[in-house]
Protein backbone atom coordinates (compact mmCIF):
# COMPACT_ATOMS: atom_id res chain seq x y z
CA UNK A 1 -51.88 124.66 -32.08
CA UNK A 2 -50.73 121.03 -31.66
CA UNK A 3 -47.29 121.99 -32.96
CA UNK A 4 -47.04 124.64 -30.28
CA UNK A 5 -48.22 122.20 -27.61
CA UNK A 6 -45.56 119.64 -28.51
CA UNK A 7 -42.89 122.37 -28.72
CA UNK A 8 -43.75 123.46 -25.19
CA UNK A 9 -43.80 119.85 -24.04
CA UNK A 10 -40.31 119.28 -25.42
CA UNK A 11 -39.10 122.49 -23.78
CA UNK A 12 -40.44 121.40 -20.37
CA UNK A 13 -38.85 117.97 -20.73
CA UNK A 14 -35.42 119.35 -21.67
CA UNK A 15 -35.53 121.82 -18.78
CA UNK A 16 -35.14 118.84 -16.40
CA UNK A 17 -32.89 116.48 -18.36
CA UNK A 18 -31.76 114.24 -15.48
CA UNK A 19 -35.25 113.88 -14.03
CA UNK A 20 -36.72 113.19 -17.48
CA UNK A 21 -34.09 110.53 -18.20
CA UNK A 22 -34.67 108.77 -14.89
CA UNK A 23 -38.40 108.91 -15.54
CA UNK A 24 -38.18 107.20 -18.93
CA UNK A 25 -35.59 104.65 -17.73
CA UNK A 26 -38.25 102.07 -16.87
CA UNK A 27 -39.90 102.44 -20.29
CA UNK A 28 -36.47 102.29 -21.97
CA UNK A 29 -35.50 99.07 -20.17
CA UNK A 30 -38.88 97.47 -20.88
CA UNK A 31 -38.82 98.22 -24.61
CA UNK A 32 -35.16 97.20 -24.91
CA UNK A 33 -36.00 93.88 -23.21
CA UNK A 34 -38.97 93.22 -25.49
CA UNK A 35 -37.02 93.98 -28.68
CA UNK A 36 -33.92 92.05 -27.63
CA UNK A 37 -35.51 88.95 -26.15
CA UNK A 38 -38.20 88.43 -28.78
CA UNK A 39 -35.76 89.00 -31.66
CA UNK A 40 -33.13 86.61 -30.27
CA UNK A 41 -35.73 83.95 -29.42
CA UNK A 42 -37.29 84.33 -32.89
CA UNK A 43 -33.86 83.94 -34.49
CA UNK A 44 -33.10 80.86 -32.42
CA UNK A 45 -36.47 79.27 -33.23
CA UNK A 46 -36.06 80.06 -36.96
CA UNK A 47 -32.60 78.48 -36.90
CA UNK A 48 -33.93 75.36 -35.17
CA UNK A 49 -36.84 75.12 -37.59
CA UNK A 50 -34.54 75.55 -40.60
CA UNK A 51 -32.33 72.75 -39.30
CA UNK A 52 -35.37 70.57 -38.66
CA UNK A 53 -36.58 71.22 -42.22
CA UNK A 54 -33.16 70.33 -43.60
CA UNK A 55 -33.04 67.22 -41.42
CA UNK A 56 -36.10 65.87 -43.13
CA UNK A 57 -39.45 67.58 -42.91
CA UNK A 58 -42.03 65.08 -44.09
CA UNK A 59 -40.09 62.16 -42.62
CA UNK A 60 -41.37 59.70 -40.02
CA UNK A 61 -38.63 57.61 -38.44
CA UNK A 62 -39.68 54.21 -37.13
CA UNK A 63 -37.53 52.03 -34.90
CA UNK A 64 -39.02 48.56 -34.57
CA UNK A 65 -37.69 46.93 -31.39
CA UNK A 66 -40.10 44.05 -31.77
CA UNK A 67 -41.41 41.54 -29.25
CA UNK A 68 -40.11 38.18 -27.97
CA UNK A 69 -42.12 36.55 -30.76
CA UNK A 70 -41.35 39.00 -33.54
CA UNK A 71 -38.35 41.18 -34.36
CA UNK A 72 -38.52 44.08 -36.80
CA UNK A 73 -40.99 44.72 -39.61
CA UNK A 74 -42.00 42.16 -42.19
CA UNK A 75 -42.77 42.91 -45.84
CA UNK A 76 -46.46 42.63 -44.95
CA UNK A 77 -46.04 45.24 -42.20
CA UNK A 78 -44.29 47.59 -44.61
CA UNK A 79 -47.03 47.16 -47.21
CA UNK A 80 -49.58 47.96 -44.51
CA UNK A 81 -47.72 51.18 -43.64
CA UNK A 82 -47.48 52.14 -47.33
CA UNK A 83 -51.26 51.74 -47.65
CA UNK A 84 -51.81 54.72 -45.32
CA UNK A 85 -53.14 57.66 -47.33
CA UNK A 86 -50.40 60.29 -47.48
CA UNK A 87 -47.42 57.92 -47.18
CA UNK A 88 -45.29 58.40 -50.29
CA UNK A 89 -42.62 55.76 -49.80
CA UNK A 90 -40.12 54.22 -47.42
CA UNK A 91 -36.38 53.84 -47.00
CA UNK A 92 -35.13 50.95 -44.83
CA UNK A 93 -32.36 51.32 -42.27
CA UNK A 94 -30.43 48.08 -42.01
CA UNK A 95 -26.67 47.90 -41.55
CA UNK A 96 -23.83 45.54 -40.84
CA UNK A 97 -20.04 45.65 -40.79
CA UNK A 98 -17.78 43.37 -42.76
CA UNK A 99 -14.29 43.23 -44.27
CA UNK A 100 -14.10 44.60 -47.82
CA UNK A 101 -11.49 43.79 -50.45
CA UNK A 102 -10.65 46.63 -52.83
CA UNK A 103 -7.79 47.42 -55.21
CA UNK A 104 -5.64 44.62 -53.77
CA UNK A 105 -6.21 45.72 -50.16
CA UNK A 106 -8.55 44.60 -47.37
CA UNK A 107 -10.32 47.14 -45.14
CA UNK A 108 -11.69 45.67 -41.93
CA UNK A 109 -15.12 46.33 -40.40
CA UNK A 110 -16.47 48.57 -43.15
CA UNK A 111 -20.08 49.73 -42.63
CA UNK A 112 -22.52 48.31 -45.17
CA UNK A 113 -25.85 50.17 -45.33
CA UNK A 114 -28.88 48.70 -47.03
CA UNK A 115 -30.80 51.27 -49.09
CA UNK A 116 -33.45 51.46 -51.78
CA UNK A 117 -34.36 53.92 -54.52
CA UNK A 118 -36.44 56.15 -52.19
CA UNK A 119 -33.38 57.07 -50.14
CA UNK A 120 -31.93 59.15 -52.99
CA UNK A 121 -35.16 61.01 -53.74
CA UNK A 122 -35.42 62.91 -50.45
CA UNK A 123 -32.29 65.02 -50.17
CA UNK A 124 -30.19 62.63 -48.10
CA UNK A 125 -27.10 63.30 -50.18
CA UNK A 126 -25.77 64.21 -53.62
CA UNK A 127 -24.76 61.65 -56.21
CA UNK A 128 -21.55 63.24 -57.48
CA UNK A 129 -20.79 60.47 -59.94
CA UNK A 130 -22.73 57.61 -61.51
CA UNK A 131 -26.20 56.73 -60.16
CA UNK A 132 -27.98 55.53 -57.06
CA UNK A 133 -29.60 52.20 -56.28
CA UNK A 134 -32.81 51.57 -58.23
CA UNK A 135 -35.93 49.52 -57.59
CA UNK A 136 -34.67 47.03 -60.20
CA UNK A 137 -31.42 46.59 -58.20
CA UNK A 138 -33.38 45.99 -54.99
CA UNK A 139 -35.88 43.55 -56.47
CA UNK A 140 -33.20 41.49 -58.24
CA UNK A 141 -30.59 41.77 -55.47
CA UNK A 142 -28.09 43.11 -57.96
CA UNK A 143 -24.53 43.17 -56.69
CA UNK A 144 -24.03 46.88 -57.08
CA UNK A 145 -22.96 49.51 -54.60
CA UNK A 146 -22.68 53.24 -54.00
CA UNK A 147 -19.71 54.40 -51.97
CA UNK A 148 -19.14 57.64 -50.12
CA UNK A 149 -16.89 60.27 -51.67
CA UNK A 150 -14.34 59.99 -48.86
CA UNK A 151 -13.94 56.25 -49.49
CA UNK A 152 -13.63 56.77 -53.24
CA UNK A 153 -10.74 59.20 -52.69
CA UNK A 154 -9.09 56.91 -50.14
CA UNK A 155 -9.43 53.60 -52.00
CA UNK A 156 -9.06 54.76 -55.60
CA UNK A 157 -7.00 57.99 -55.55
CA UNK A 158 -6.95 59.69 -58.93
CA UNK A 159 -8.82 56.82 -60.61
CA UNK A 160 -12.21 56.50 -62.29
CA UNK A 161 -14.26 54.81 -59.61
CA UNK A 162 -17.38 53.90 -61.58
CA UNK A 163 -17.15 50.33 -62.79
CA UNK A 164 -14.54 49.27 -60.26
CA UNK A 165 -15.15 46.01 -58.40
CA UNK A 166 -14.91 45.38 -54.68
CA UNK A 167 -15.47 42.18 -52.71
CA UNK A 168 -18.16 42.11 -49.99
CA UNK A 169 -18.79 38.88 -48.11
CA UNK A 170 -16.97 36.93 -50.81
CA UNK A 171 -19.06 38.37 -53.66
CA UNK A 172 -18.06 40.91 -56.28
CA UNK A 173 -19.93 44.23 -56.23
CA UNK A 174 -19.67 46.81 -58.98
CA UNK A 175 -19.44 50.47 -57.94
CA UNK A 176 -22.24 52.30 -59.76
CA UNK A 177 -22.15 55.63 -57.92
CA UNK A 178 -20.35 57.97 -55.56
CA UNK A 179 -22.35 59.93 -53.00
CA UNK A 180 -21.56 62.88 -50.78
CA UNK A 181 -23.89 62.81 -47.78
CA UNK A 182 -25.62 65.93 -46.51
CA UNK A 183 -24.24 66.33 -43.00
CA UNK A 184 -27.33 68.33 -42.01
CA UNK A 185 -29.73 65.57 -42.97
CA UNK A 186 -31.53 63.47 -40.39
CA UNK A 187 -30.35 60.28 -42.08
CA UNK A 188 -26.72 61.36 -41.74
CA UNK A 189 -27.16 61.79 -37.98
CA UNK A 190 -28.33 58.18 -37.78
CA UNK A 191 -25.96 56.73 -40.37
CA UNK A 192 -23.83 53.84 -39.26
CA UNK A 193 -20.56 55.49 -40.28
CA UNK A 194 -19.03 58.52 -41.94
CA UNK A 195 -17.46 56.09 -44.42
CA UNK A 196 -19.93 53.48 -45.56
CA UNK A 197 -20.94 51.50 -48.62
CA UNK A 198 -24.55 51.41 -49.77
CA UNK A 199 -25.96 48.28 -51.38
CA UNK A 200 -29.55 47.15 -52.05
CA UNK A 201 -31.15 46.48 -48.67
CA UNK A 202 -32.29 43.06 -49.82
CA UNK A 203 -28.62 42.09 -50.15
CA UNK A 204 -27.79 43.38 -46.65
CA UNK A 205 -30.62 41.27 -45.22
CA UNK A 206 -28.95 38.19 -46.68
CA UNK A 207 -25.44 39.23 -45.56
CA UNK A 208 -26.59 39.98 -42.00
CA UNK A 209 -28.98 37.04 -41.82
CA UNK A 210 -31.96 39.30 -41.07
CA UNK A 211 -35.45 38.34 -42.15
CA UNK A 212 -37.11 41.61 -41.08
CA UNK A 213 -36.36 45.35 -41.23
CA UNK A 214 -35.30 46.80 -37.83
CA UNK A 215 -35.92 50.45 -38.78
CA UNK A 216 -37.10 52.60 -41.65
CA UNK A 217 -38.00 56.11 -42.72
CA UNK A 218 -41.48 56.80 -44.06
CA UNK A 219 -41.86 59.79 -46.37
CA UNK A 220 -45.21 61.52 -46.03
CA UNK A 221 -47.07 64.26 -47.90
CA UNK A 222 -46.49 67.50 -45.97
CA UNK A 223 -49.48 69.10 -47.73
CA UNK A 224 -51.80 66.65 -46.01
CA UNK A 225 -52.86 66.30 -42.39
CA UNK A 226 -49.52 65.11 -40.98
CA UNK A 227 -50.97 64.55 -37.53
CA UNK A 228 -53.68 62.28 -38.92
CA UNK A 229 -51.12 60.41 -41.04
CA UNK A 230 -48.98 59.92 -37.94
CA UNK A 231 -51.95 58.53 -35.99
CA UNK A 232 -52.74 56.05 -38.77
CA UNK A 233 -49.10 54.94 -38.94
CA UNK A 234 -49.14 54.36 -35.19
CA UNK A 235 -52.35 52.35 -35.53
CA UNK A 236 -50.73 50.12 -38.18
CA UNK A 237 -47.71 49.55 -35.95
CA UNK A 238 -49.95 48.62 -33.02
CA UNK A 239 -51.60 46.05 -35.25
CA UNK A 240 -48.21 44.73 -36.37
CA UNK A 241 -47.03 44.20 -32.78
CA UNK A 242 -50.40 43.35 -31.17
CA UNK A 243 -50.43 46.58 -29.09
CA UNK A 244 -47.31 45.44 -27.23
CA UNK A 245 -45.77 48.28 -25.20
CA UNK A 246 -42.27 49.47 -26.11
CA UNK A 247 -42.25 47.42 -29.29
CA UNK A 248 -41.51 50.43 -31.49
CA UNK A 249 -40.79 54.14 -31.41
CA UNK A 250 -41.77 56.96 -33.78
CA UNK A 251 -40.08 60.27 -34.46
CA UNK A 252 -42.17 62.59 -36.63
CA UNK A 253 -40.22 65.73 -37.44
CA UNK A 254 -43.29 67.73 -38.51
CA UNK A 255 -44.84 67.16 -35.10
CA UNK A 256 -41.63 68.30 -33.44
CA UNK A 257 -41.65 71.46 -35.57
CA UNK A 258 -45.24 72.20 -34.51
CA UNK A 259 -44.25 71.71 -30.88
CA UNK A 260 -41.34 74.12 -31.31
CA UNK A 261 -43.67 76.74 -32.79
CA UNK A 262 -46.04 76.33 -29.83
CA UNK A 263 -43.14 76.68 -27.41
CA UNK A 264 -42.04 79.81 -29.28
CA UNK A 265 -45.43 81.44 -28.72
CA UNK A 266 -45.38 80.51 -25.03
CA UNK A 267 -41.88 81.91 -24.63
CA UNK A 268 -42.85 85.14 -26.42
CA UNK A 269 -45.84 85.64 -24.12
CA UNK A 270 -43.66 84.93 -21.08
CA UNK A 271 -40.97 87.37 -22.21
CA UNK A 272 -43.53 90.04 -23.03
CA UNK A 273 -45.06 89.61 -19.58
CA UNK A 274 -41.67 89.97 -17.87
CA UNK A 275 -40.69 93.02 -19.95
CA UNK A 276 -44.10 94.60 -19.40
CA UNK A 277 -43.30 94.85 -15.69
CA UNK A 278 -40.52 97.30 -16.57
CA UNK A 279 -42.91 99.29 -18.75
CA UNK A 280 -45.46 99.32 -15.92
CA UNK A 281 -42.82 100.61 -13.49
CA UNK A 282 -41.78 103.19 -16.07
CA UNK A 283 -45.38 104.27 -16.53
CA UNK A 284 -45.78 104.75 -12.78
CA UNK A 285 -42.61 106.84 -12.86
CA UNK A 286 -44.07 109.02 -15.60
CA UNK A 287 -47.27 109.49 -13.61
CA UNK A 288 -45.27 110.44 -10.53
CA UNK A 289 -43.19 112.98 -12.46
CA UNK A 290 -46.26 114.51 -14.13
CA UNK A 291 -48.06 114.87 -10.79
CA UNK A 292 -45.02 116.65 -9.40
CA UNK A 293 -44.90 118.78 -12.53
CA UNK A 294 -48.55 119.79 -12.09
CA UNK A 295 -47.82 120.88 -8.51
CA UNK A 296 -44.72 122.82 -9.59
CA UNK A 297 -46.51 124.56 -12.45
CA UNK A 298 -49.70 125.53 -10.66
CA UNK A 299 -49.09 129.25 -11.28
CA UNK A 300 -48.40 128.60 -14.98
CA UNK A 301 -51.67 126.68 -15.29
CA UNK A 302 -53.64 129.43 -13.53
CA UNK A 303 -52.09 132.12 -15.69
CA UNK A 304 -52.82 130.23 -18.92
CA UNK A 305 -56.44 129.67 -17.88
CA UNK A 306 -56.77 133.35 -17.01
CA UNK A 307 -55.51 134.19 -20.50
CA UNK A 308 -58.18 131.98 -22.08
CA UNK A 309 -56.76 128.44 -22.20
CA UNK A 310 -59.55 125.85 -21.97
CA UNK A 311 -59.38 122.82 -19.65
CA UNK A 312 -59.11 120.53 -22.67
CA UNK A 313 -56.05 122.44 -23.95
CA UNK A 314 -54.40 122.19 -20.51
CA UNK A 315 -55.17 118.48 -20.44
CA UNK A 316 -53.72 117.97 -23.93
CA UNK A 317 -50.61 119.93 -22.90
CA UNK A 318 -49.77 117.63 -20.00
CA UNK A 319 -50.88 114.50 -21.83
CA UNK A 320 -48.58 115.45 -24.71
CA UNK A 321 -45.64 115.74 -22.30
CA UNK A 322 -46.40 112.27 -20.93
CA UNK A 323 -46.63 110.72 -24.42
CA UNK A 324 -43.43 112.44 -25.59
CA UNK A 325 -41.59 111.12 -22.53
CA UNK A 326 -42.80 107.56 -23.06
CA UNK A 327 -42.18 107.61 -26.84
CA UNK A 328 -38.70 108.97 -26.23
CA UNK A 329 -38.03 106.01 -23.96
CA UNK A 330 -39.58 103.69 -26.55
CA UNK A 331 -37.44 104.99 -29.43
CA UNK A 332 -34.21 104.84 -27.41
CA UNK A 333 -35.23 101.34 -26.28
CA UNK A 334 -35.81 100.37 -29.95
CA UNK A 335 -32.29 101.48 -30.91
CA UNK A 336 -30.64 99.79 -27.92
CA UNK A 337 -32.77 96.67 -28.36
CA UNK A 338 -31.76 96.40 -32.02
CA UNK A 339 -28.06 96.76 -31.19
CA UNK A 340 -28.29 94.21 -28.37
CA UNK A 341 -30.24 91.84 -30.63
CA UNK A 342 -27.51 91.97 -33.26
CA UNK A 343 -24.83 91.29 -30.65
CA UNK A 344 -26.90 88.52 -29.05
CA UNK A 345 -27.58 86.78 -32.37
CA UNK A 346 -23.89 86.96 -33.28
CA UNK A 347 -22.92 85.59 -29.88
CA UNK A 348 -25.15 82.50 -30.09
CA UNK A 349 -24.76 82.07 -33.84
CA UNK A 350 -28.34 82.55 -35.05
CA UNK A 351 -29.54 84.74 -37.95
CA UNK A 352 -30.62 88.28 -37.05
CA UNK A 353 -34.07 89.37 -38.24
CA UNK A 354 -35.70 92.24 -36.41
CA UNK A 355 -39.21 91.14 -35.47
CA UNK A 356 -41.98 93.50 -36.55
CA UNK A 357 -44.05 92.10 -33.69
CA UNK A 358 -41.36 93.17 -31.22
CA UNK A 359 -41.24 96.69 -32.68
CA UNK A 360 -45.01 97.12 -32.57
CA UNK A 361 -45.23 95.74 -29.04
CA UNK A 362 -42.28 97.77 -27.78
CA UNK A 363 -43.07 101.17 -29.24
CA UNK A 364 -46.84 100.67 -29.02
CA UNK A 365 -46.72 99.74 -25.34
CA UNK A 366 -44.56 102.77 -24.57
CA UNK A 367 -47.05 105.10 -26.28
CA UNK A 368 -49.93 103.40 -24.48
CA UNK A 369 -48.13 103.78 -21.16
CA UNK A 370 -47.76 107.51 -21.80
CA UNK A 371 -51.47 107.92 -22.48
CA UNK A 372 -52.69 105.72 -19.62
CA UNK A 373 -50.34 106.99 -16.93
CA UNK A 374 -50.41 110.56 -18.14
CA UNK A 375 -54.19 110.89 -18.12
CA UNK A 376 -54.62 111.36 -14.35
CA UNK A 377 -52.02 114.17 -13.98
CA UNK A 378 -53.34 115.87 -17.13
CA UNK A 379 -56.92 115.73 -15.87
CA UNK A 380 -55.82 117.07 -12.49
CA UNK A 381 -54.15 120.02 -14.23
CA UNK A 382 -57.22 120.70 -16.39
CA UNK A 383 -59.54 120.76 -13.35
CA UNK A 384 -57.36 123.18 -11.39
CA UNK A 385 -59.26 126.33 -10.31
CA UNK A 386 -57.52 129.34 -11.95
CA UNK A 387 -58.31 131.61 -8.95
CA UNK A 388 -56.64 129.18 -6.52
CA UNK A 389 -53.68 128.91 -8.88
CA UNK A 390 -53.29 132.67 -9.26
CA UNK A 391 -53.22 133.16 -5.48
CA UNK A 392 -49.69 131.68 -5.53
CA UNK A 393 -48.36 134.50 -7.73
C-alpha cells in the first residue's frame, strides 16, 4: 500500500515538473547553504586548530616587560613559576646580535639566541647533525653552539661542521650541532632571525649584559587543567611584579584553541539559523503548492473516498507528496552543497571533510519541513466531504 502511495506521489510531482522544481527551490537553497557553509567553516577551524597545535599546544609564552624597579624575570621568579603543578619546564628567550668570525671570514650582526635543553624537547626543530644544548652546558656556561642548517651550508660548504670553531665576542665556540627549525612552530615565528646561532642562555646573558630573562616559554601538561595552570602562572607573575599593570603579557595557546572552538560553535549556530530561513521559505512554498493541489484534485479525492479510501489514507497520500518534494530538495541540496564545499575548500586552501552534522541537519530539516508544512494540506484533503467533491464531476 505504501509503495503504491509513493508511486502515485511521484507521478503527481512529475506531472508538474516546473512547479515542483520552483516549490523545492527554497529547500534546495537552504540545504545547500547548510552543507556548504558548515563544511567550509569546519575545514577552516580544523586547519587553524592544526596549525595552533603545531605551533605549540601546551606552551605558555611569557613576555616580561618589567617595572621601573625591575626588568625581566630573575632565577627566583623562574623557580616560582616552575613550582606550579603542571608546569613541566621552561625555555628562555634571550637574544643579541654580534659579529662572528668563522672559517677566516667575519659575518656582521649575526643573531645569537640563548637556549637551554628544554627547547629541543618540544618540537621546535630537528637536530640534523650532532646534538643540542644540554643542562650541563647551561650550568657550566660551556662555549658550545648549535647553528642553523642554512648557516652551516653557507659558512662551511661541503665540510663536516661538527667540531668546527667560530669566534663569538672574542671567545671560541665549538659547533656541537646543526638544527633545521620547524617553520610552523610558534618559536620560529618569534625567533630573532632565520639564520641564528644557539648557545647556552647563560652565556648570552653575559654577552648581552643582562641579569634577568626578558621572555620565556613555559611547557605545561596538556592532560591537566590548563586553565587552572594558567591562572596560577598569572598569580606567580603578579607576585613577581607586585601586581603592577602592563608588567608582563601571557599567550596561552590552549586557551586560544578553546576560544576558537567556542567561536566555531557560535558560527555554526549562526549559519544554521541563516540557512534555516531558506528552508522555512521553502516549507511555506510546499504548503502553498499542496493547498493548491488539494483544490485542483477535489474530484479525485471525492472519487477515491467513494471507492472506499479512508481519510487516513488520503492524508498519508498528500503527506507523502509533501515529504517526497522536500526530500528531493534535500538530496539535490546535499549533492550541490558537497560540490560547492569541495570548490570552496580548494579556493581558500583548507582540507575538505564533509561534516556529518551538516548532512544530518540539512537532510533532516528538509524531511521535517515536508512533514510540518505538508500536514495542514493533507488534513484538509482527508476532511473533504466526498459528496461535495463528487458534485464537481
